[in-house]
PDB file of all heavy atoms in Angstrom:
ATOM      1  N   ASP A   1      88.226 172.704  89.927  1.00  0.00           N
ATOM      2  CA  ASP A   1      89.236 173.765  90.138  1.00  0.00           C
ATOM      3  C   ASP A   1      88.608 175.192  90.222  1.00  0.00           C
ATOM      4  O   ASP A   1      89.110 175.957  91.034  1.00  0.00           O
ATOM      5  CB  ASP A   1      90.324 173.715  88.984  1.00  0.00           C
ATOM      6  CG  ASP A   1      91.155 172.506  89.059  1.00  0.00           C
ATOM      7  OD1 ASP A   1      91.248 171.884  90.109  1.00  0.00           O
ATOM      8  OD2 ASP A   1      91.805 172.200  87.979  1.00  0.00           O
ATOM      9  N   SER A   2      87.591 175.435  89.546  1.00  0.00           N
ATOM     10  CA  SER A   2      86.945 176.741  89.509  1.00  0.00           C
ATOM     11  C   SER A   2      86.325 177.151  90.833  1.00  0.00           C
ATOM     12  O   SER A   2      86.050 178.367  91.033  1.00  0.00           O
ATOM     13  CB  SER A   2      86.019 176.859  88.323  1.00  0.00           C
ATOM     14  OG  SER A   2      84.957 175.900  88.507  1.00  0.00           O
ATOM     15  N   VAL A   3      86.052 176.180  91.723  1.00  0.00           N
ATOM     16  CA  VAL A   3      85.323 176.500  92.929  1.00  0.00           C
ATOM     17  C   VAL A   3      86.115 176.134  94.213  1.00  0.00           C
ATOM     18  O   VAL A   3      85.637 176.419  95.295  1.00  0.00           O
ATOM     19  CB  VAL A   3      83.973 175.794  92.976  1.00  0.00           C
ATOM     20  CG1 VAL A   3      83.161 176.098  91.750  1.00  0.00           C
ATOM     21  CG2 VAL A   3      84.157 174.288  93.147  1.00  0.00           C
ATOM     22  N   LYS A   4      87.295 175.594  94.071  1.00  0.00           N
ATOM     23  CA  LYS A   4      88.085 175.269  95.232  1.00  0.00           C
ATOM     24  C   LYS A   4      88.391 176.437  96.090  1.00  0.00           C
ATOM     25  O   LYS A   4      88.767 177.541  95.550  1.00  0.00           O
ATOM     26  CB  LYS A   4      89.430 174.578  94.741  1.00  0.00           C
ATOM     27  CG  LYS A   4      89.282 173.172  94.226  1.00  0.00           C
ATOM     28  CD  LYS A   4      90.645 172.582  93.895  1.00  0.00           C
ATOM     29  CE  LYS A   4      90.510 171.131  93.364  1.00  0.00           C
ATOM     30  NZ  LYS A   4      91.806 170.555  92.977  1.00  0.00           N
ATOM     31  N   GLY A   5      88.259 176.341  97.360  1.00  0.00           N
ATOM     32  CA  GLY A   5      88.461 177.413  98.301  1.00  0.00           C
ATOM     33  C   GLY A   5      87.260 178.316  98.479  1.00  0.00           C
ATOM     34  O   GLY A   5      87.213 179.112  99.429  1.00  0.00           O
ATOM     35  N   ARG A   6      86.182 178.094  97.705  1.00  0.00           N
ATOM     36  CA  ARG A   6      85.042 178.985  97.757  1.00  0.00           C
ATOM     37  C   ARG A   6      83.746 178.118  98.135  1.00  0.00           C
ATOM     38  O   ARG A   6      82.909 178.623  98.859  1.00  0.00           O
ATOM     39  CB  ARG A   6      84.746 179.706  96.428  1.00  0.00           C
ATOM     40  CG  ARG A   6      85.874 180.643  96.098  1.00  0.00           C
ATOM     41  CD  ARG A   6      85.521 181.529  94.873  1.00  0.00           C
ATOM     42  NE  ARG A   6      85.201 180.711  93.657  1.00  0.00           N
ATOM     43  CZ  ARG A   6      84.074 180.646  93.060  1.00  0.00           C
ATOM     44  NH1 ARG A   6      83.030 181.452  93.523  1.00  0.00           N
ATOM     45  NH2 ARG A   6      83.883 179.927  91.954  1.00  0.00           N
ATOM     46  N   PHE A   7      83.690 176.908  97.645  1.00  0.00           N
ATOM     47  CA  PHE A   7      82.547 176.040  97.868  1.00  0.00           C
ATOM     48  C   PHE A   7      82.899 174.894  98.812  1.00  0.00           C
ATOM     49  O   PHE A   7      84.044 174.454  98.793  1.00  0.00           O
ATOM     50  CB  PHE A   7      82.057 175.417  96.503  1.00  0.00           C
ATOM     51  CG  PHE A   7      81.395 176.392  95.586  1.00  0.00           C
ATOM     52  CD1 PHE A   7      81.443 177.731  95.780  1.00  0.00           C
ATOM     53  CD2 PHE A   7      80.733 175.904  94.493  1.00  0.00           C
ATOM     54  CE1 PHE A   7      80.917 178.610  94.881  1.00  0.00           C
ATOM     55  CE2 PHE A   7      80.166 176.720  93.589  1.00  0.00           C
ATOM     56  CZ  PHE A   7      80.196 178.097  93.790  1.00  0.00           C
ATOM     57  N   THR A   8      81.940 174.457  99.599  1.00  0.00           N
ATOM     58  CA  THR A   8      82.116 173.350 100.511  1.00  0.00           C
ATOM     59  C   THR A   8      80.955 172.424 100.433  1.00  0.00           C
ATOM     60  O   THR A   8      79.821 172.847 100.635  1.00  0.00           O
ATOM     61  CB  THR A   8      82.338 173.796 101.971  1.00  0.00           C
ATOM     62  OG1 THR A   8      83.412 174.703 102.066  1.00  0.00           O
ATOM     63  CG2 THR A   8      82.552 172.607 102.857  1.00  0.00           C
ATOM     64  N   ILE A   9      81.228 171.158 100.137  1.00  0.00           N
ATOM     65  CA  ILE A   9      80.163 170.139 100.090  1.00  0.00           C
ATOM     66  C   ILE A   9      80.146 169.354 101.407  1.00  0.00           C
ATOM     67  O   ILE A   9      81.192 169.063 101.946  1.00  0.00           O
ATOM     68  CB  ILE A   9      80.387 169.151  98.914  1.00  0.00           C
ATOM     69  CG1 ILE A   9      79.174 168.197  98.716  1.00  0.00           C
ATOM     70  CG2 ILE A   9      81.668 168.390  98.996  1.00  0.00           C
ATOM     71  CD1 ILE A   9      79.214 167.449  97.482  1.00  0.00           C
ATOM     72  N   SER A  10      78.969 169.029 101.913  1.00  0.00           N
ATOM     73  CA  SER A  10      78.845 168.299 103.102  1.00  0.00           C
ATOM     74  C   SER A  10      77.568 167.419 103.065  1.00  0.00           C
ATOM     75  O   SER A  10      76.636 167.725 102.224  1.00  0.00           O
ATOM     76  CB  SER A  10      78.794 169.234 104.350  1.00  0.00           C
ATOM     77  OG  SER A  10      77.682 170.112 104.273  1.00  0.00           O
ATOM     78  N   LYS A  11      77.447 166.443 103.937  1.00  0.00           N
ATOM     79  CA  LYS A  11      76.328 165.556 103.950  1.00  0.00           C
ATOM     80  C   LYS A  11      75.926 165.232 105.396  1.00  0.00           C
ATOM     81  O   LYS A  11      76.746 164.895 106.181  1.00  0.00           O
ATOM     82  CB  LYS A  11      76.683 164.302 103.154  1.00  0.00           C
ATOM     83  CG  LYS A  11      75.555 163.294 102.876  1.00  0.00           C
ATOM     84  CD  LYS A  11      76.131 162.099 102.141  1.00  0.00           C
ATOM     85  CE  LYS A  11      75.005 161.042 101.914  1.00  0.00           C
ATOM     86  NZ  LYS A  11      75.561 159.832 101.293  1.00  0.00           N
ATOM     87  N   ASP A  12      74.625 165.315 105.602  1.00  0.00           N
ATOM     88  CA  ASP A  12      74.050 164.919 106.906  1.00  0.00           C
ATOM     89  C   ASP A  12      73.258 163.648 106.687  1.00  0.00           C
ATOM     90  O   ASP A  12      72.174 163.701 106.210  1.00  0.00           O
ATOM     91  CB  ASP A  12      73.151 166.055 107.435  1.00  0.00           C
ATOM     92  CG  ASP A  12      72.647 165.760 108.874  1.00  0.00           C
ATOM     93  OD1 ASP A  12      72.604 164.554 109.306  1.00  0.00           O
ATOM     94  OD2 ASP A  12      72.260 166.747 109.538  1.00  0.00           O
ATOM     95  N   ASN A  13      73.890 162.549 107.008  1.00  0.00           N
ATOM     96  CA  ASN A  13      73.246 161.220 106.788  1.00  0.00           C
ATOM     97  C   ASN A  13      71.966 161.023 107.625  1.00  0.00           C
ATOM     98  O   ASN A  13      71.071 160.324 107.166  1.00  0.00           O
ATOM     99  CB  ASN A  13      74.235 160.117 107.065  1.00  0.00           C
ATOM    100  CG  ASN A  13      75.367 159.983 106.027  1.00  0.00           C
ATOM    101  OD1 ASN A  13      75.159 160.229 104.871  1.00  0.00           O
ATOM    102  ND2 ASN A  13      76.594 159.746 106.521  1.00  0.00           N
ATOM    103  N   ALA A  14      71.959 161.557 108.797  1.00  0.00           N
ATOM    104  CA  ALA A  14      70.804 161.424 109.667  1.00  0.00           C
ATOM    105  C   ALA A  14      69.566 162.098 109.038  1.00  0.00           C
ATOM    106  O   ALA A  14      68.439 161.653 109.295  1.00  0.00           O
ATOM    107  CB  ALA A  14      71.060 161.994 111.027  1.00  0.00           C
ATOM    108  N   LYS A  15      69.781 163.174 108.310  1.00  0.00           N
ATOM    109  CA  LYS A  15      68.689 163.879 107.687  1.00  0.00           C
ATOM    110  C   LYS A  15      68.535 163.556 106.204  1.00  0.00           C
ATOM    111  O   LYS A  15      67.656 164.162 105.512  1.00  0.00           O
ATOM    112  CB  LYS A  15      68.889 165.437 107.897  1.00  0.00           C
ATOM    113  CG  LYS A  15      68.879 165.812 109.328  1.00  0.00           C
ATOM    114  CD  LYS A  15      69.100 167.306 109.483  1.00  0.00           C
ATOM    115  CE  LYS A  15      67.995 168.139 108.861  1.00  0.00           C
ATOM    116  NZ  LYS A  15      68.175 169.639 109.051  1.00  0.00           N
ATOM    117  N   ASN A  16      69.390 162.733 105.660  1.00  0.00           N
ATOM    118  CA  ASN A  16      69.453 162.372 104.229  1.00  0.00           C
ATOM    119  C   ASN A  16      69.459 163.615 103.373  1.00  0.00           C
ATOM    120  O   ASN A  16      68.762 163.794 102.395  1.00  0.00           O
ATOM    121  CB  ASN A  16      68.185 161.554 103.903  1.00  0.00           C
ATOM    122  CG  ASN A  16      68.208 160.171 104.492  1.00  0.00           C
ATOM    123  OD1 ASN A  16      69.267 159.569 104.702  1.00  0.00           O
ATOM    124  ND2 ASN A  16      67.014 159.621 104.789  1.00  0.00           N
ATOM    125  N   THR A  17      70.354 164.599 103.726  1.00  0.00           N
ATOM    126  CA  THR A  17      70.449 165.798 103.057  1.00  0.00           C
ATOM    127  C   THR A  17      71.882 166.180 102.668  1.00  0.00           C
ATOM    128  O   THR A  17      72.804 166.001 103.480  1.00  0.00           O
ATOM    129  CB  THR A  17      69.921 166.920 103.918  1.00  0.00           C
ATOM    130  OG1 THR A  17      68.569 166.658 104.283  1.00  0.00           O
ATOM    131  CG2 THR A  17      69.937 168.290 103.217  1.00  0.00           C
ATOM    132  N   LEU A  18      72.051 166.621 101.437  1.00  0.00           N
ATOM    133  CA  LEU A  18      73.362 167.036 100.954  1.00  0.00           C
ATOM    134  C   LEU A  18      73.339 168.559 100.829  1.00  0.00           C
ATOM    135  O   LEU A  18      72.371 169.154 100.473  1.00  0.00           O
ATOM    136  CB  LEU A  18      73.584 166.486  99.547  1.00  0.00           C
ATOM    137  CG  LEU A  18      74.922 166.807  98.863  1.00  0.00           C
ATOM    138  CD1 LEU A  18      76.040 165.998  99.485  1.00  0.00           C
ATOM    139  CD2 LEU A  18      74.830 166.519  97.377  1.00  0.00           C
ATOM    140  N   TYR A  19      74.485 169.200 101.201  1.00  0.00           N
ATOM    141  CA  TYR A  19      74.554 170.681 101.123  1.00  0.00           C
ATOM    142  C   TYR A  19      75.740 171.115 100.317  1.00  0.00           C
ATOM    143  O   TYR A  19      76.687 170.410 100.088  1.00  0.00           O
ATOM    144  CB  TYR A  19      74.844 171.203 102.583  1.00  0.00           C
ATOM    145  CG  TYR A  19      73.721 170.839 103.588  1.00  0.00           C
ATOM    146  CD1 TYR A  19      73.908 169.726 104.433  1.00  0.00           C
ATOM    147  CD2 TYR A  19      72.581 171.582 103.666  1.00  0.00           C
ATOM    148  CE1 TYR A  19      72.878 169.495 105.372  1.00  0.00           C
ATOM    149  CE2 TYR A  19      71.554 171.258 104.604  1.00  0.00           C
ATOM    150  CZ  TYR A  19      71.759 170.235 105.394  1.00  0.00           C
ATOM    151  OH  TYR A  19      70.801 169.876 106.322  1.00  0.00           O
ATOM    152  N   LEU A  20      75.578 172.303  99.804  1.00  0.00           N
ATOM    153  CA  LEU A  20      76.689 173.002  99.108  1.00  0.00           C
ATOM    154  C   LEU A  20      76.656 174.443  99.530  1.00  0.00           C
ATOM    155  O   LEU A  20      75.836 175.227  99.180  1.00  0.00           O
ATOM    156  CB  LEU A  20      76.483 172.934  97.543  1.00  0.00           C
ATOM    157  CG  LEU A  20      77.642 173.529  96.725  1.00  0.00           C
ATOM    158  CD1 LEU A  20      78.908 172.739  96.884  1.00  0.00           C
ATOM    159  CD2 LEU A  20      77.236 173.626  95.273  1.00  0.00           C
ATOM    160  N   GLN A  21      77.737 174.759 100.369  1.00  0.00           N
ATOM    161  CA  GLN A  21      77.909 176.155 100.795  1.00  0.00           C
ATOM    162  C   GLN A  21      78.775 176.843  99.794  1.00  0.00           C
ATOM    163  O   GLN A  21      79.854 176.433  99.485  1.00  0.00           O
ATOM    164  CB  GLN A  21      78.630 176.143 102.174  1.00  0.00           C
ATOM    165  CG  GLN A  21      78.878 177.543 102.709  1.00  0.00           C
ATOM    166  CD  GLN A  21      77.646 178.300 103.039  1.00  0.00           C
ATOM    167  OE1 GLN A  21      76.757 177.773 103.697  1.00  0.00           O
ATOM    168  NE2 GLN A  21      77.565 179.570 102.654  1.00  0.00           N
ATOM    169  N   MET A  22      78.209 177.920  99.302  1.00  0.00           N
ATOM    170  CA  MET A  22      78.891 178.707  98.212  1.00  0.00           C
ATOM    171  C   MET A  22      79.218 180.074  98.713  1.00  0.00           C
ATOM    172  O   MET A  22      78.285 180.881  99.008  1.00  0.00           O
ATOM    173  CB  MET A  22      78.030 178.784  96.975  1.00  0.00           C
ATOM    174  CG  MET A  22      77.642 177.397  96.426  1.00  0.00           C
ATOM    175  SD  MET A  22      76.640 177.482  94.885  1.00  0.00           S
ATOM    176  CE  MET A  22      75.257 178.339  95.467  1.00  0.00           C
ATOM    177  N   ASN A  23      80.506 180.417  98.838  1.00  0.00           N
ATOM    178  CA  ASN A  23      80.939 181.738  99.271  1.00  0.00           C
ATOM    179  C   ASN A  23      81.672 182.444  98.139  1.00  0.00           C
ATOM    180  O   ASN A  23      82.170 181.782  97.156  1.00  0.00           O
ATOM    181  CB  ASN A  23      81.845 181.624 100.508  1.00  0.00           C
ATOM    182  CG  ASN A  23      81.161 180.988 101.677  1.00  0.00           C
ATOM    183  OD1 ASN A  23      79.937 181.204 101.918  1.00  0.00           O
ATOM    184  ND2 ASN A  23      81.908 180.222 102.462  1.00  0.00           N
ATOM    185  N   SER A  24      81.849 183.782  98.266  1.00  0.00           N
ATOM    186  CA  SER A  24      82.555 184.551  97.275  1.00  0.00           C
ATOM    187  C   SER A  24      82.062 184.214  95.868  1.00  0.00           C
ATOM    188  O   SER A  24      82.845 184.014  94.965  1.00  0.00           O
ATOM    189  CB  SER A  24      84.061 184.253  97.379  1.00  0.00           C
ATOM    190  OG  SER A  24      84.574 184.570  98.727  1.00  0.00           O
ATOM    191  N   LEU A  25      80.780 184.288  95.684  1.00  0.00           N
ATOM    192  CA  LEU A  25      80.185 183.931  94.448  1.00  0.00           C
ATOM    193  C   LEU A  25      80.617 184.901  93.321  1.00  0.00           C
ATOM    194  O   LEU A  25      80.769 186.153  93.615  1.00  0.00           O
ATOM    195  CB  LEU A  25      78.695 183.892  94.541  1.00  0.00           C
ATOM    196  CG  LEU A  25      78.182 182.623  95.198  1.00  0.00           C
ATOM    197  CD1 LEU A  25      76.722 182.828  95.695  1.00  0.00           C
ATOM    198  CD2 LEU A  25      78.264 181.471  94.224  1.00  0.00           C
ATOM    199  N   LYS A  26      80.790 184.388  92.100  1.00  0.00           N
ATOM    200  CA  LYS A  26      81.184 185.132  90.933  1.00  0.00           C
ATOM    201  C   LYS A  26      80.073 185.051  89.858  1.00  0.00           C
ATOM    202  O   LYS A  26      79.345 184.047  89.856  1.00  0.00           O
ATOM    203  CB  LYS A  26      82.521 184.595  90.363  1.00  0.00           C
ATOM    204  CG  LYS A  26      83.662 184.594  91.387  1.00  0.00           C
ATOM    205  CD  LYS A  26      84.898 183.985  90.794  1.00  0.00           C
ATOM    206  CE  LYS A  26      86.042 183.905  91.718  1.00  0.00           C
ATOM    207  NZ  LYS A  26      87.255 183.336  91.176  1.00  0.00           N
ATOM    208  N   PRO A  27      80.024 186.003  88.902  1.00  0.00           N
ATOM    209  CA  PRO A  27      79.075 185.882  87.866  1.00  0.00           C
ATOM    210  C   PRO A  27      79.138 184.609  87.107  1.00  0.00           C
ATOM    211  O   PRO A  27      78.119 184.068  86.639  1.00  0.00           O
ATOM    212  CB  PRO A  27      79.364 187.120  86.969  1.00  0.00           C
ATOM    213  CG  PRO A  27      79.936 188.115  87.971  1.00  0.00           C
ATOM    214  CD  PRO A  27      80.759 187.283  88.940  1.00  0.00           C
ATOM    215  N   GLU A  28      80.333 184.017  86.908  1.00  0.00           N
ATOM    216  CA  GLU A  28      80.495 182.834  86.186  1.00  0.00           C
ATOM    217  C   GLU A  28      79.977 181.611  86.905  1.00  0.00           C
ATOM    218  O   GLU A  28      79.910 180.485  86.342  1.00  0.00           O
ATOM    219  CB  GLU A  28      81.999 182.560  85.793  1.00  0.00           C
ATOM    220  CG  GLU A  28      82.943 182.696  87.004  1.00  0.00           C
ATOM    221  CD  GLU A  28      83.570 184.057  87.007  1.00  0.00           C
ATOM    222  OE1 GLU A  28      82.920 185.037  86.830  1.00  0.00           O
ATOM    223  OE2 GLU A  28      84.848 184.105  87.244  1.00  0.00           O
ATOM    224  N   ASP A  29      79.515 181.782  88.155  1.00  0.00           N
ATOM    225  CA  ASP A  29      78.913 180.719  88.871  1.00  0.00           C
ATOM    226  C   ASP A  29      77.385 180.605  88.485  1.00  0.00           C
ATOM    227  O   ASP A  29      76.707 179.659  88.950  1.00  0.00           O
ATOM    228  CB  ASP A  29      78.969 180.885  90.369  1.00  0.00           C
ATOM    229  CG  ASP A  29      80.483 180.787  90.869  1.00  0.00           C
ATOM    230  OD1 ASP A  29      81.177 179.908  90.400  1.00  0.00           O
ATOM    231  OD2 ASP A  29      80.834 181.585  91.747  1.00  0.00           O
ATOM    232  N   THR A  30      76.854 181.565  87.737  1.00  0.00           N
ATOM    233  CA  THR A  30      75.474 181.513  87.387  1.00  0.00           C
ATOM    234  C   THR A  30      75.161 180.290  86.568  1.00  0.00           C
ATOM    235  O   THR A  30      75.760 180.027  85.543  1.00  0.00           O
ATOM    236  CB  THR A  30      75.089 182.782  86.603  1.00  0.00           C
ATOM    237  OG1 THR A  30      75.310 183.985  87.388  1.00  0.00           O
ATOM    238  CG2 THR A  30      73.705 182.747  86.060  1.00  0.00           C
ATOM    239  N   ALA A  31      74.163 179.505  87.008  1.00  0.00           N
ATOM    240  CA  ALA A  31      73.801 178.280  86.319  1.00  0.00           C
ATOM    241  C   ALA A  31      72.641 177.580  87.070  1.00  0.00           C
ATOM    242  O   ALA A  31      72.250 178.061  88.161  1.00  0.00           O
ATOM    243  CB  ALA A  31      74.927 177.319  86.310  1.00  0.00           C
ATOM    244  N   MET A  32      72.073 176.577  86.418  1.00  0.00           N
ATOM    245  CA  MET A  32      71.152 175.724  87.155  1.00  0.00           C
ATOM    246  C   MET A  32      71.939 174.644  87.866  1.00  0.00           C
ATOM    247  O   MET A  32      72.812 173.998  87.223  1.00  0.00           O
ATOM    248  CB  MET A  32      70.172 175.084  86.155  1.00  0.00           C
ATOM    249  CG  MET A  32      69.113 174.279  86.777  1.00  0.00           C
ATOM    250  SD  MET A  32      67.802 175.265  87.611  1.00  0.00           S
ATOM    251  CE  MET A  32      66.922 175.892  86.249  1.00  0.00           C
ATOM    252  N   TYR A  33      71.741 174.500  89.113  1.00  0.00           N
ATOM    253  CA  TYR A  33      72.423 173.503  89.923  1.00  0.00           C
ATOM    254  C   TYR A  33      71.644 172.299  90.204  1.00  0.00           C
ATOM    255  O   TYR A  33      70.516 172.432  90.647  1.00  0.00           O
ATOM    256  CB  TYR A  33      72.957 174.150  91.231  1.00  0.00           C
ATOM    257  CG  TYR A  33      74.115 175.087  91.123  1.00  0.00           C
ATOM    258  CD1 TYR A  33      73.963 176.346  90.407  1.00  0.00           C
ATOM    259  CD2 TYR A  33      75.398 174.710  91.512  1.00  0.00           C
ATOM    260  CE1 TYR A  33      75.089 177.132  90.246  1.00  0.00           C
ATOM    261  CE2 TYR A  33      76.488 175.538  91.369  1.00  0.00           C
ATOM    262  CZ  TYR A  33      76.324 176.788  90.751  1.00  0.00           C
ATOM    263  OH  TYR A  33      77.390 177.619  90.572  1.00  0.00           O
ATOM    264  N   TYR A  34      72.233 171.148  89.995  1.00  0.00           N
ATOM    265  CA  TYR A  34      71.535 169.872  90.149  1.00  0.00           C
ATOM    266  C   TYR A  34      72.294 168.990  91.202  1.00  0.00           C
ATOM    267  O   TYR A  34      73.463 168.912  91.211  1.00  0.00           O
ATOM    268  CB  TYR A  34      71.461 169.069  88.833  1.00  0.00           C
ATOM    269  CG  TYR A  34      70.741 169.818  87.736  1.00  0.00           C
ATOM    270  CD1 TYR A  34      71.362 170.631  86.815  1.00  0.00           C
ATOM    271  CD2 TYR A  34      69.410 169.607  87.546  1.00  0.00           C
ATOM    272  CE1 TYR A  34      70.723 171.328  85.831  1.00  0.00           C
ATOM    273  CE2 TYR A  34      68.689 170.232  86.477  1.00  0.00           C
ATOM    274  CZ  TYR A  34      69.419 171.081  85.718  1.00  0.00           C
ATOM    275  OH  TYR A  34      68.725 171.700  84.626  1.00  0.00           O
ATOM    276  N   CYS A  35      71.461 168.229  91.995  1.00  0.00           N
ATOM    277  CA  CYS A  35      71.936 167.270  92.862  1.00  0.00           C
ATOM    278  C   CYS A  35      71.789 165.882  92.210  1.00  0.00           C
ATOM    279  O   CYS A  35      70.802 165.673  91.532  1.00  0.00           O
ATOM    280  CB  CYS A  35      71.142 167.320  94.234  1.00  0.00           C
ATOM    281  SG  CYS A  35      71.469 166.002  95.359  1.00  0.00           S
ATOM    282  N   ALA A  36      72.803 165.052  92.384  1.00  0.00           N
ATOM    283  CA  ALA A  36      72.784 163.677  91.854  1.00  0.00           C
ATOM    284  C   ALA A  36      73.270 162.628  92.864  1.00  0.00           C
ATOM    285  O   ALA A  36      74.035 162.975  93.749  1.00  0.00           O
ATOM    286  CB  ALA A  36      73.652 163.579  90.578  1.00  0.00           C
ATOM    287  N   ALA A  37      72.782 161.417  92.698  1.00  0.00           N
ATOM    288  CA  ALA A  37      73.130 160.299  93.621  1.00  0.00           C
ATOM    289  C   ALA A  37      73.249 159.022  92.951  1.00  0.00           C
ATOM    290  O   ALA A  37      72.595 158.746  91.887  1.00  0.00           O
ATOM    291  CB  ALA A  37      72.103 160.226  94.794  1.00  0.00           C
ATOM    292  N   LYS A  38      74.121 158.173  93.459  1.00  0.00           N
ATOM    293  CA  LYS A  38      74.293 156.761  92.951  1.00  0.00           C
ATOM    294  C   LYS A  38      74.708 155.869  94.113  1.00  0.00           C
ATOM    295  O   LYS A  38      75.243 156.356  95.153  1.00  0.00           O
ATOM    296  CB  LYS A  38      75.298 156.776  91.798  1.00  0.00           C
ATOM    297  CG  LYS A  38      76.680 157.141  92.135  1.00  0.00           C
ATOM    298  CD  LYS A  38      77.540 157.082  90.910  1.00  0.00           C
ATOM    299  CE  LYS A  38      78.993 157.600  91.191  1.00  0.00           C
ATOM    300  NZ  LYS A  38      79.821 157.608  89.984  1.00  0.00           N
ATOM    301  N   TYR A  39      74.574 154.551  93.953  1.00  0.00           N
ATOM    302  CA  TYR A  39      74.898 153.605  95.002  1.00  0.00           C
ATOM    303  C   TYR A  39      76.043 152.734  94.645  1.00  0.00           C
ATOM    304  O   TYR A  39      76.347 151.839  95.402  1.00  0.00           O
ATOM    305  CB  TYR A  39      73.619 152.728  95.331  1.00  0.00           C
ATOM    306  CG  TYR A  39      72.502 153.474  95.895  1.00  0.00           C
ATOM    307  CD1 TYR A  39      71.474 153.985  95.109  1.00  0.00           C
ATOM    308  CD2 TYR A  39      72.488 153.720  97.322  1.00  0.00           C
ATOM    309  CE1 TYR A  39      70.424 154.731  95.725  1.00  0.00           C
ATOM    310  CE2 TYR A  39      71.461 154.509  97.826  1.00  0.00           C
ATOM    311  CZ  TYR A  39      70.441 154.953  97.073  1.00  0.00           C
ATOM    312  OH  TYR A  39      69.413 155.676  97.654  1.00  0.00           O
TER     313      TYR A  39
END
């Protein structure tokens, strides 16, 4: 809920790459960001 409307997640399967577009960043967004995967 805290990032709805500001962040967008997308995936490029051809490049095996996950993205996170972060707009309108706020100080409370400060953190270590991790990518995770499962099958």
